[in-house]
Amino acid sequence: MRIQCSVLLTLSLFATCGAALAADVNMQPTLADYKDGEKWVWKYKGVTKAGEVRADGKDTKKIISKDGELFMVTASRAFPLSNIVKPDTSKTSRYNWPLQVGKKWTYEDHWQSDDGTTGSTIQDAEVISYKAETVEAGTFMAYTIQYKGKMTNTRGYSANTDDIHVYAPELKAFIKLTQVQDDYLYIEELIEYSK
């Protein structure tokens, strides 16, 4: 009887630990995770070491339903949410799903700005923690992901980068973003979330 109880206790502990570990692994959000009327508002500010303010304002995203289809609306346009939540299987994406502490990958983004300038961001990424994080919008369980690397563009710009993304699975969004590009510091923080 003693051995049987010991085995049951051991199995129970493994099941409990397994459930705890599973809670710390998060998959990419799906269409079903979003609701009509959801809204996120961030404040942002970017300043050089010399004190020059290059960015200062607010960014809002909202989910709306139109003819039975969900869209994510930003300041400039509306995107079908079905396009945004397509499974991302790239090994070099911003978030390498599933997220879990200790995961490492290389993030690559090759982009073009509105003025036609093209560039690349290549960074080594690592999920360094999963814990309660507090921002102006509240306290949420979130992953802290560090990205270190380089950004370059066709106008001769080249900067070392050190970024921290704090991503909250419950909100399907980052709640804080800190970017350092040589002498430039950019911080964006979630100040409002509503369902």
Protein backbone atom coordinates (compact mmCIF):
# COMPACT_ATOMS: atom_id res chain seq x y z
CA MET A 1 0.00 0.00 0.00
CA ARG A 2 2.85 2.38 0.88
CA ILE A 3 4.52 1.90 -2.56
CA GLN A 4 1.21 2.39 -4.39
CA CYS A 5 0.57 5.68 -2.49
CA SER A 6 4.11 6.83 -3.22
CA VAL A 7 3.67 6.10 -6.93
CA LEU A 8 0.33 7.95 -6.97
CA LEU A 9 1.88 10.93 -5.18
CA THR A 10 4.79 11.00 -7.65
CA LEU A 11 2.42 10.82 -10.64
CA SER A 12 0.29 13.56 -9.11
CA LEU A 13 3.37 15.81 -8.71
CA PHE A 14 4.41 15.18 -12.35
CA ALA A 15 0.88 16.02 -13.53
CA THR A 16 0.89 19.23 -11.47
CA CYS A 17 4.35 20.24 -12.74
CA GLY A 18 3.33 19.42 -16.30
CA ALA A 19 0.24 21.64 -16.01
CA ALA A 20 2.38 24.47 -14.61
CA LEU A 21 4.87 24.14 -17.45
CA ALA A 22 2.09 24.06 -20.04
CA ALA A 23 0.74 27.35 -18.63
CA ASP A 24 4.12 28.96 -19.39
CA VAL A 25 4.00 27.98 -23.09
CA ASN A 26 1.83 30.16 -25.33
CA MET A 27 0.78 29.68 -28.91
CA GLN A 28 0.10 32.33 -31.55
CA PRO A 29 -3.35 33.95 -31.11
CA THR A 30 -6.11 32.74 -33.42
CA LEU A 31 -9.11 34.52 -34.90
CA ALA A 32 -11.32 33.07 -32.13
CA ASP A 33 -9.19 34.84 -29.49
CA TYR A 34 -10.31 38.32 -30.65
CA LYS A 35 -13.62 40.05 -29.92
CA ASP A 36 -15.45 42.91 -31.63
CA GLY A 37 -14.75 46.14 -29.73
CA GLU A 38 -11.38 45.15 -28.26
CA LYS A 39 -9.10 48.19 -28.05
CA TRP A 40 -5.44 48.83 -27.21
CA VAL A 41 -3.88 52.27 -26.66
CA TRP A 42 -0.12 52.82 -26.27
CA LYS A 43 1.84 55.99 -25.53
CA TYR A 44 5.28 56.32 -27.08
CA LYS A 45 8.30 58.59 -26.91
CA GLY A 46 11.67 58.51 -28.65
CA VAL A 47 14.56 60.71 -27.51
CA THR A 48 18.25 60.99 -28.49
CA LYS A 49 20.97 61.24 -25.84
CA ALA A 50 21.23 64.93 -26.80
CA GLY A 51 17.57 65.38 -25.77
CA GLU A 52 16.08 65.67 -29.27
CA VAL A 53 12.53 64.26 -29.25
CA ARG A 54 11.96 62.33 -32.47
CA ALA A 55 8.69 60.63 -31.57
CA ASP A 56 5.95 61.49 -29.07
CA GLY A 57 2.34 60.43 -29.21
CA LYS A 58 -0.26 57.67 -28.94
CA ASP A 59 -1.05 54.61 -31.04
CA THR A 60 -4.45 52.89 -31.05
CA LYS A 61 -5.64 49.58 -32.45
CA LYS A 62 -9.24 48.41 -32.34
CA ILE A 63 -11.16 45.33 -33.49
CA ILE A 64 -14.35 46.02 -35.44
CA SER A 65 -16.84 43.75 -37.16
CA LYS A 66 -17.94 44.58 -40.71
CA ASP A 67 -20.33 42.31 -42.62
CA GLY A 68 -19.55 39.49 -40.19
CA GLU A 69 -15.75 39.78 -40.60
CA LEU A 70 -13.34 41.09 -37.95
CA PHE A 71 -10.86 43.84 -38.84
CA MET A 72 -7.99 45.44 -36.92
CA VAL A 73 -8.20 49.21 -37.35
CA THR A 74 -5.12 51.41 -36.96
CA ALA A 75 -4.69 55.15 -37.55
CA SER A 76 -4.05 54.64 -41.25
CA ARG A 77 -6.16 51.65 -42.31
CA ALA A 78 -8.15 48.52 -41.51
CA PHE A 79 -6.68 45.03 -41.95
CA PRO A 80 -8.72 41.81 -42.15
CA LEU A 81 -7.91 40.06 -38.86
CA SER A 82 -7.82 36.73 -40.71
CA ASN A 83 -4.65 37.96 -42.49
CA ILE A 84 -3.00 39.04 -39.24
CA VAL A 85 -3.59 35.73 -37.42
CA LYS A 86 -2.45 33.42 -40.21
CA PRO A 87 -0.15 30.81 -38.61
CA ASP A 88 3.40 32.17 -38.60
CA THR A 89 5.78 29.25 -39.08
CA SER A 90 8.84 31.34 -39.93
CA LYS A 91 11.86 30.63 -37.75
CA THR A 92 12.97 34.29 -38.08
CA SER A 93 9.74 36.12 -37.12
CA ARG A 94 9.34 38.69 -34.32
CA TYR A 95 7.64 36.10 -32.09
CA ASN A 96 8.76 32.52 -32.66
CA TRP A 97 5.72 30.48 -31.58
CA PRO A 98 5.19 28.84 -29.18
CA LEU A 99 6.71 31.25 -26.67
CA GLN A 100 8.43 29.79 -23.64
CA VAL A 101 11.19 30.90 -21.27
CA GLY A 102 14.66 30.06 -22.56
CA LYS A 103 13.68 29.87 -26.24
CA LYS A 104 16.22 31.46 -28.62
CA TRP A 105 16.08 32.36 -32.33
CA THR A 106 17.27 34.93 -34.87
CA TYR A 107 14.76 37.64 -35.81
CA GLU A 108 15.09 39.08 -39.33
CA ASP A 109 13.03 41.87 -40.86
CA HIS A 110 13.72 43.28 -44.33
CA TRP A 111 11.58 46.39 -44.76
CA GLN A 112 10.79 49.45 -46.82
CA SER A 113 9.76 52.81 -45.33
CA ASP A 114 7.22 55.23 -46.81
CA ASP A 115 9.99 57.27 -48.48
CA GLY A 116 11.32 54.20 -50.35
CA THR A 117 14.31 53.54 -48.07
CA THR A 118 14.94 49.82 -47.59
CA GLY A 119 16.67 48.24 -44.65
CA SER A 120 17.22 45.22 -42.48
CA THR A 121 16.95 44.42 -38.80
CA ILE A 122 18.71 41.25 -37.68
CA GLN A 123 18.73 40.38 -33.99
CA ASP A 124 19.38 37.43 -31.69
CA ALA A 125 16.22 36.89 -29.61
CA GLU A 126 15.70 35.16 -26.27
CA VAL A 127 12.67 34.77 -23.99
CA ILE A 128 14.15 35.66 -20.60
CA SER A 129 11.13 35.52 -18.25
CA TYR A 130 7.41 34.93 -17.83
CA LYS A 131 5.94 36.75 -14.85
CA ALA A 132 3.49 39.43 -13.75
CA GLU A 133 4.39 42.79 -15.29
CA THR A 134 2.80 46.15 -14.47
CA VAL A 135 2.22 48.97 -16.96
CA GLU A 136 -0.19 51.92 -16.91
CA ALA A 137 -3.00 49.70 -18.29
CA GLY A 138 -2.65 47.19 -15.43
CA THR A 139 -0.79 44.05 -14.35
CA PHE A 140 -0.59 41.08 -16.71
CA MET A 141 1.34 37.83 -17.00
CA ALA A 142 3.88 38.53 -19.72
CA TYR A 143 6.97 37.26 -21.49
CA THR A 144 10.04 39.47 -21.55
CA ILE A 145 11.92 38.95 -24.81
CA GLN A 146 15.32 40.51 -25.47
CA TYR A 147 16.52 41.25 -29.03
CA LYS A 148 20.16 42.25 -29.68
CA GLY A 149 21.64 42.95 -33.09
CA LYS A 150 21.91 45.54 -35.85
CA MET A 151 19.72 47.76 -38.03
CA THR A 152 20.94 49.06 -41.40
CA ASN A 153 19.38 50.88 -44.34
CA THR A 154 20.20 51.99 -47.89
CA ARG A 155 20.86 55.59 -46.78
CA GLY A 156 23.97 54.47 -44.91
CA TYR A 157 22.37 54.21 -41.47
CA SER A 158 23.78 51.48 -39.22
CA ALA A 159 23.06 51.07 -35.52
CA ASN A 160 23.50 48.46 -32.84
CA THR A 161 20.13 47.57 -31.34
CA ASP A 162 19.01 46.30 -27.94
CA ASP A 163 15.25 45.85 -27.68
CA ILE A 164 13.01 44.49 -24.94
CA HIS A 165 9.45 43.38 -25.77
CA VAL A 166 7.09 42.58 -22.90
CA TYR A 167 4.32 40.48 -24.49
CA ALA A 168 1.08 39.60 -22.64
CA PRO A 169 -0.67 36.54 -24.15
CA GLU A 170 -3.98 37.49 -22.49
CA LEU A 171 -3.98 40.77 -24.47
CA LYS A 172 -2.43 39.30 -27.64
CA ALA A 173 -0.04 42.25 -27.73
CA PHE A 174 3.10 43.74 -26.27
CA ILE A 175 2.46 45.86 -23.20
CA LYS A 176 5.86 47.55 -23.17
CA LEU A 177 8.57 48.03 -25.75
CA THR A 178 11.99 49.52 -25.09
CA GLN A 179 14.34 50.05 -28.06
CA VAL A 180 17.90 51.35 -27.91
CA GLN A 181 19.60 52.20 -31.23
CA ASP A 182 23.04 53.59 -30.44
CA ASP A 183 22.17 57.09 -29.07
CA TYR A 184 18.37 56.81 -29.48
CA LEU A 185 15.92 55.52 -26.84
CA TYR A 186 12.32 54.66 -27.77
CA ILE A 187 9.74 53.50 -25.20
CA GLU A 188 6.16 52.45 -25.90
CA GLU A 189 3.77 51.39 -23.11
CA LEU A 190 0.17 50.18 -23.05
CA ILE A 191 -1.96 52.73 -21.23
CA GLU A 192 -5.44 51.34 -21.98
CA TYR A 193 -7.01 47.99 -22.87
CA SER A 194 -10.71 47.29 -23.14
CA LYS A 195 -12.73 44.31 -24.34
